[in-house]
Protein backbone atom coordinates (compact mmCIF):
# COMPACT_ATOMS: atom_id res chain seq x y z
CA MET A 1 13.61 37.50 -19.40
CA ALA A 2 15.42 34.52 -17.32
CA ILE A 3 17.86 35.95 -14.59
CA GLU A 4 21.20 35.34 -15.87
CA PRO A 5 24.04 32.39 -13.83
CA CYS A 6 25.38 34.81 -11.87
CA GLU A 7 22.48 36.57 -10.37
CA ARG A 8 20.59 33.03 -9.63
CA ARG A 9 23.73 32.35 -7.96
CA LEU A 10 23.85 35.09 -5.58
CA ILE A 11 20.15 35.16 -5.30
CA GLU A 12 20.69 31.30 -3.91
CA GLN A 13 23.11 32.20 -1.56
CA LYS A 14 21.65 35.07 -0.01
CA ILE A 15 19.30 32.81 0.78
CA GLN A 16 21.26 30.04 2.12
CA LEU A 17 23.44 32.31 3.95
CA ASN A 18 26.55 30.14 5.93
CA HIS A 19 25.06 27.38 5.62
CA VAL A 20 26.35 26.57 2.10
CA LEU A 21 29.72 24.71 3.66
CA ARG A 22 29.91 25.67 6.95
CA ASN A 23 30.38 22.32 7.66
CA SER A 24 31.87 20.98 4.30
CA SER A 25 34.36 18.28 5.33
CA ARG A 26 36.46 18.89 1.37
CA ARG A 27 39.69 19.56 1.61
CA TRP A 28 40.80 23.49 0.66
CA THR A 29 42.84 24.56 -1.30
CA SER A 30 45.61 27.98 -1.92
CA PHE A 31 46.75 26.93 -5.07
CA GLY A 32 49.52 24.70 -5.54
CA ARG A 33 50.89 25.81 -2.05
CA THR A 34 50.96 24.53 1.50
CA VAL A 35 49.38 27.22 3.68
CA PRO A 36 49.59 25.77 7.28
CA GLY A 37 46.67 26.07 9.10
CA ARG A 38 47.91 28.34 12.22
CA ARG A 39 46.60 30.06 15.69
CA THR A 40 47.48 33.99 16.56
CA ASP A 41 49.16 33.84 19.72
CA ALA A 42 47.21 37.84 19.77
CA ILE A 43 43.99 36.08 21.79
CA GLU A 44 45.66 35.06 25.06
CA GLU A 45 41.88 34.58 26.29
CA GLY A 46 40.64 31.83 23.50
CA PRO A 47 38.91 33.30 20.67
CA VAL A 48 35.15 31.96 23.39
CA HIS A 49 36.29 34.35 25.90
CA HIS A 50 37.35 37.62 23.60
CA PRO A 51 35.61 40.10 23.34
CA LEU A 52 35.94 39.85 19.34
CA ALA A 53 34.19 36.71 20.06
CA ARG A 54 30.62 38.24 19.38
CA THR A 55 31.66 40.76 16.69
CA VAL A 56 33.12 36.95 14.61
CA ALA A 57 29.93 35.29 14.98
CA GLY A 58 27.32 38.26 13.98
CA VAL A 59 29.47 38.99 10.41
CA SER A 60 30.10 34.78 10.59
CA ALA A 61 25.99 35.15 10.28
CA ALA A 62 25.71 37.75 8.07
CA LEU A 63 28.00 36.31 5.44
CA PRO A 64 25.86 35.09 2.27
CA VAL A 65 28.76 31.91 1.39
CA ALA A 66 31.34 32.83 3.48
CA THR A 67 32.65 32.28 7.68
CA LEU A 68 35.10 34.71 9.80
CA HIS A 69 36.81 33.69 12.64
CA GLN A 70 39.09 34.10 15.50
CA GLY A 71 42.71 33.00 14.26
CA ILE A 72 43.53 29.93 11.72
CA PRO A 73 42.27 26.85 13.43
CA GLY A 74 44.95 24.85 14.07
CA ASP A 75 43.69 21.66 12.08
CA GLU A 76 42.95 23.71 9.41
CA ALA A 77 45.17 24.47 5.56
CA GLY A 78 44.72 25.81 3.00
CA TRP A 79 44.83 29.64 5.21
CA ILE A 80 46.94 32.94 3.31
CA THR A 81 47.25 35.74 4.73
CA CYS A 82 46.76 38.59 3.13
CA SER A 83 50.58 40.16 3.09
CA GLU A 84 51.15 36.47 1.67
CA VAL A 85 49.04 37.60 -1.58
CA ASP A 86 51.91 37.92 -4.66
CA THR A 87 52.23 37.77 -7.91
CA SER A 88 52.13 33.68 -8.20
CA PHE A 89 49.27 33.10 -6.29
CA ILE A 90 47.15 35.35 -7.90
CA ARG A 91 48.49 33.57 -11.35
CA ASP A 92 46.96 30.61 -9.88
CA TRP A 93 44.01 31.93 -8.31
CA GLU A 94 43.16 33.33 -11.97
CA ARG A 95 43.70 30.38 -13.62
CA ALA A 96 40.86 28.76 -11.34
CA ALA A 97 38.58 31.45 -11.65
CA SER A 98 38.85 30.92 -15.43
CA GLU A 99 38.84 27.13 -15.09
CA ARG A 100 35.11 28.13 -13.14
CA MET A 101 34.20 30.54 -15.80
CA ILE A 102 34.53 27.64 -18.62
CA ARG A 103 32.57 25.26 -16.51
CA GLU A 104 29.70 27.11 -15.70
CA TYR A 105 29.30 29.30 -18.76
CA GLY A 106 31.48 27.36 -21.44
CA SER A 107 34.08 31.08 -21.84
CA ALA A 108 37.04 32.52 -19.85
CA HIS A 109 38.12 36.02 -20.51
CA PRO A 110 40.85 37.30 -18.85
CA MET A 111 39.59 40.60 -17.81
CA THR A 112 36.61 38.74 -15.95
CA ALA A 113 39.44 36.33 -14.20
CA SER A 114 41.55 39.35 -13.19
CA ALA A 115 38.39 41.13 -11.75
CA TYR A 116 36.61 38.25 -9.91
CA VAL A 117 40.30 37.71 -8.36
CA LEU A 118 40.60 41.42 -7.65
CA GLY A 119 36.65 41.66 -5.95
CA TRP A 120 37.20 38.91 -3.98
CA TYR A 121 40.40 39.82 -2.28
CA GLY A 122 39.65 43.59 -2.19
CA ARG A 123 35.97 42.24 -0.08
CA VAL A 124 38.30 40.13 2.17
CA PRO A 125 39.15 43.81 4.51
CA GLY A 126 35.50 45.75 3.08
CA ILE A 127 33.14 43.19 4.37
CA ILE A 128 34.71 42.67 7.51
CA GLY A 129 35.28 45.86 8.28
CA GLY A 130 31.89 47.24 7.12
CA LEU A 131 29.93 44.59 8.81
CA SER A 132 31.62 44.96 12.00
CA LEU A 133 31.08 48.34 12.82
CA ALA A 134 27.62 47.83 10.77
CA LEU A 135 26.42 45.46 13.19
CA ASP A 136 29.03 46.33 16.82
CA HIS A 137 30.41 49.57 16.34
CA ARG A 138 33.69 47.97 16.26
CA VAL A 139 36.65 47.51 13.73
CA PRO A 140 38.73 45.31 13.79
CA ARG A 141 41.86 45.93 12.44
CA LEU A 142 42.29 44.94 9.12
CA ALA A 143 45.95 45.75 7.54
CA ALA A 144 47.24 42.05 5.62
CA SER A 145 49.23 41.57 7.43
CA GLU A 146 46.20 40.69 10.03
CA LEU A 147 43.70 39.36 7.64
CA ALA A 148 43.63 35.61 6.42
CA PHE A 149 41.36 34.20 4.54
CA GLY A 150 40.40 30.59 2.15
CA CYS A 151 39.29 29.44 -1.24
CA ASP A 152 36.61 27.23 -1.91
CA PRO A 153 38.21 24.74 -4.25
CA LEU A 154 36.01 24.23 -6.70
CA GLU A 155 34.38 27.54 -7.14
CA ALA A 156 37.62 29.33 -6.15
CA TYR A 157 35.95 32.74 -4.24
CA PRO A 158 37.04 33.35 -0.44
CA ASP A 159 34.84 30.71 1.61
CA ARG A 160 36.38 32.30 5.26
CA TYR A 161 37.96 34.78 6.87
CA ALA A 162 40.13 35.11 9.78
CA LEU A 163 40.90 37.52 12.02
CA LEU A 164 44.92 37.34 12.89
CA ASP A 165 44.76 40.28 15.65
CA SER A 166 42.25 40.91 18.70
CA ARG A 167 42.73 44.82 18.99
CA PHE A 168 39.87 46.09 17.93
CA TRP A 169 38.53 50.82 17.61
CA CYS A 170 34.80 50.74 19.42
CA LEU A 171 32.67 53.68 21.60
CA PRO A 172 32.89 54.27 24.77
CA ASP A 173 29.20 52.23 25.46
CA ASP A 174 30.76 49.95 24.22
CA PRO A 175 30.66 46.65 27.40
CA ASP A 176 34.52 45.25 26.93
CA ALA A 177 35.22 49.46 26.43
CA SER A 178 37.66 48.74 29.40
CA HIS A 179 39.54 45.86 27.35
CA PRO A 180 43.00 45.71 27.21
CA ASP A 181 42.91 45.08 23.26
CA ALA A 182 39.47 47.63 22.89
CA SER A 183 41.22 51.68 21.73
CA VAL A 184 38.01 53.63 22.53
CA VAL A 185 36.85 56.91 19.74
CA ALA A 186 34.58 59.62 20.62
CA ASN A 187 31.77 58.60 17.95
CA ASP A 188 30.82 57.05 15.26
CA SER A 189 32.19 59.32 12.95
CA ALA A 190 35.26 58.84 13.69
CA LEU A 191 34.67 55.05 13.94
CA ALA A 192 34.07 55.77 10.31
CA ALA A 193 37.28 57.95 9.17
CA ILE A 194 39.02 55.16 10.94
CA LEU A 195 37.62 52.17 9.17
CA ARG A 196 38.11 53.93 5.75
CA ALA A 197 41.55 54.39 6.79
CA GLN A 198 42.35 50.94 7.91
CA VAL A 199 40.76 49.56 4.79
CA ARG A 200 42.59 52.31 1.79
CA ALA A 201 45.59 51.42 3.83
CA HIS A 202 45.38 48.02 2.54
CA ALA A 203 44.83 48.50 -0.98
CA ASP A 204 46.96 51.36 -1.07
CA ALA A 205 49.80 48.38 0.34
CA PHE A 206 48.17 45.43 -2.17
CA LEU A 207 48.19 47.99 -5.04
CA ALA A 208 51.33 48.86 -5.02
CA SER A 209 52.70 45.31 -6.08
CA TYR A 210 49.38 43.65 -7.80
CA ARG A 211 50.27 42.55 -10.95
CA GLY A 212 46.87 40.92 -12.97
CA GLY A 213 46.48 39.62 -16.19
CA ALA A 214 44.81 41.79 -17.22
CA ARG A 215 45.08 45.84 -16.87
CA LEU A 216 42.09 47.16 -15.52
CA PRO A 217 41.21 50.87 -14.51
CA ARG A 218 42.53 52.21 -12.03
CA ARG A 219 38.46 53.00 -10.88
CA THR A 220 37.80 49.69 -10.71
CA LEU A 221 41.50 48.98 -8.81
CA GLN A 222 40.00 50.89 -6.48
CA GLY A 223 36.94 50.75 -6.32
CA VAL A 224 36.90 46.22 -5.62
CA PHE A 225 37.81 47.73 -1.53
CA PHE A 226 35.28 50.77 -1.54
CA ASP A 227 32.07 48.15 -3.00
CA GLY A 228 33.03 46.06 -0.07
CA ILE A 229 32.71 48.55 1.99
CA ASP A 230 29.13 49.49 1.06
CA ILE A 231 28.60 45.91 0.29
CA GLY A 232 29.55 44.93 4.27
CA ILE A 233 27.10 47.70 5.52
CA TRP A 234 24.25 46.69 2.96
CA LEU A 235 24.08 42.61 4.26
CA HIS A 236 24.41 43.47 7.82
CA ASP A 237 20.32 44.06 7.88
CA ARG A 238 17.99 42.47 5.27
CA SER A 239 14.72 42.79 6.91
CA PRO A 240 11.99 44.57 6.22
CA GLY A 241 11.89 48.09 6.88
CA ALA A 242 15.47 48.37 7.95
CA GLU A 243 16.03 49.95 4.17
CA HIS A 244 16.30 53.38 5.69
CA ALA A 245 18.81 52.95 8.00
CA THR A 246 21.07 50.97 6.41
CA ILE A 247 21.27 54.12 3.74
CA GLU A 248 21.90 56.36 6.39
CA ALA A 249 24.99 54.14 7.95
CA ALA A 250 26.49 53.63 4.63
CA ARG A 251 26.51 57.43 4.00
CA GLU A 252 28.03 58.16 7.76
CA VAL A 253 30.59 55.70 6.41
CA LEU A 254 30.20 57.28 2.79
CA PRO A 255 29.95 60.59 2.58
CA GLY A 256 32.43 60.71 -0.41
CA GLY A 257 35.41 63.42 -0.99
CA THR A 258 37.06 62.44 1.92
CA ALA A 259 40.97 61.50 1.57
CA GLU A 260 40.43 57.82 1.01
CA PHE A 261 37.55 57.49 -0.74
CA ARG A 262 35.94 60.45 -3.71
CA ASP A 263 33.05 58.42 -4.00
CA SER A 264 30.31 57.87 -1.63
CA THR A 265 28.00 55.63 -0.94
CA THR A 266 25.97 53.97 -4.03
CA LEU A 267 23.20 52.38 -1.90
CA TYR A 268 19.45 53.23 -2.75
CA LEU A 269 16.07 52.03 -3.01
CA LEU A 270 14.17 51.18 -6.34
CA ASP A 271 10.59 50.38 -7.21
CA ASP A 272 10.93 47.69 -9.25
CA ALA A 273 8.06 47.05 -12.69
CA LEU A 274 6.19 45.50 -9.75
CA GLY A 275 5.30 48.13 -7.07
CA ARG A 276 8.13 46.69 -4.71
CA THR A 277 10.64 48.53 -3.45
CA HIS A 278 13.79 47.12 -3.74
CA LEU A 279 17.68 48.03 -1.54
CA THR A 280 19.64 47.80 -4.09
CA ARG A 281 23.59 49.96 -4.77
CA GLU A 282 25.94 50.39 -8.24
CA ARG A 283 29.45 49.12 -7.84
CA ILE A 284 32.02 51.17 -8.67
CA SER A 285 34.76 48.61 -9.89
CA CYS A 286 33.06 46.12 -12.61
CA CYS A 287 33.34 42.32 -12.88
CA TYR A 288 33.09 41.65 -16.67
CA TYR A 289 30.89 39.40 -16.61
CA TYR A 290 29.07 40.61 -19.84
CA LYS A 291 32.13 39.25 -21.94
CA ILE A 292 31.51 36.04 -21.03
CA ALA A 293 27.57 36.16 -20.30
CA GLU A 294 24.84 35.63 -23.32
CA GLN A 295 23.41 38.52 -24.81
CA GLU A 296 27.16 39.88 -22.90
CA ARG A 297 24.43 40.73 -20.45
CA ALA A 298 26.09 42.88 -17.40
CA CYS A 299 25.52 42.04 -14.02
CA LEU A 300 21.79 43.72 -12.33
CA THR A 301 24.56 46.26 -9.99
CA CYS A 302 26.70 46.81 -13.44
CA PRO A 303 27.05 50.50 -13.93
CA ARG A 304 26.41 49.07 -17.74
CA THR A 305 22.84 48.59 -16.47
CA SER A 306 20.90 51.19 -17.13
CA ILE A 307 17.92 52.27 -14.34
CA ASP A 308 15.25 51.58 -16.22
CA GLU A 309 16.01 47.59 -16.82
CA ARG A 310 17.30 47.05 -13.53
CA VAL A 311 13.72 48.17 -12.32
CA GLN A 312 12.44 45.47 -14.71
CA ARG A 313 14.83 42.81 -14.14
CA LEU A 314 14.16 43.09 -10.51
CA ALA A 315 10.64 42.09 -11.39
CA GLU A 316 12.40 38.90 -11.93
CA ILE A 317 12.94 37.91 -8.61
CA GLU A 318 11.21 36.51 -6.48
CA ALA A 319 10.55 38.17 -3.15
């Protein structure tokens, strides 16, 4: 059985990691808006010397097809802060997603376009926060006014993120714990609680005014933000032998039954049909890819995909 286009694309993206589009000179898009590049004034020392530079570099290296910046580069247009994303921007973004689907798959569906865009947006605070915590035991500010992103003009997904606030939470033994922008907390559990609260607050603020082109289940609306955190932790160390540590880290951040998220991490180990072990997960949200896919085949991590099918399809992925 052949791997469908979306899974083949994901595999290629993971292999290419951050090399994709990093040095691209193509023109960025804000879907018809003029959003000038701008720097945040909060990082007074300059991005290179600020304590967050190390965290930003680590997150950027771990992201499959995006880069993370401290502030918006002054010579780049096409950025938008998360707080500026409104119904009209969502409508234009969904149209761009639909155009991409038609190019790649020959058809589009309103639910798929809405779910793609919602998922892309929800991963902005989730992945940045999850990766920052997993890599550096730090949590940056993740409110809508403190994050920005820009999208690839052809593929429509966010391919660059920016932190607009220099402040962060960290542990007592952090080498920059005494820095004026650092807020020290007692332990990893406290950091995890801050991350959950930051992402949930961002989600609630966004969803209060969100009006997508298609009606999506409430579980998907909140689930994209949860999935972002889980994916961020998943991405932080893909090396062989790190799987158990990654799962434990995800369980500490997303134990389930918290005020912010009732679900626990869905990361788990699964042996494929060839006997190889994979770290995988099952999404809480759904992207509705199956509505445009051949034979309505769902994604590998979709809740619609059974364990038995996952075992077979993982065997198709080359190590």
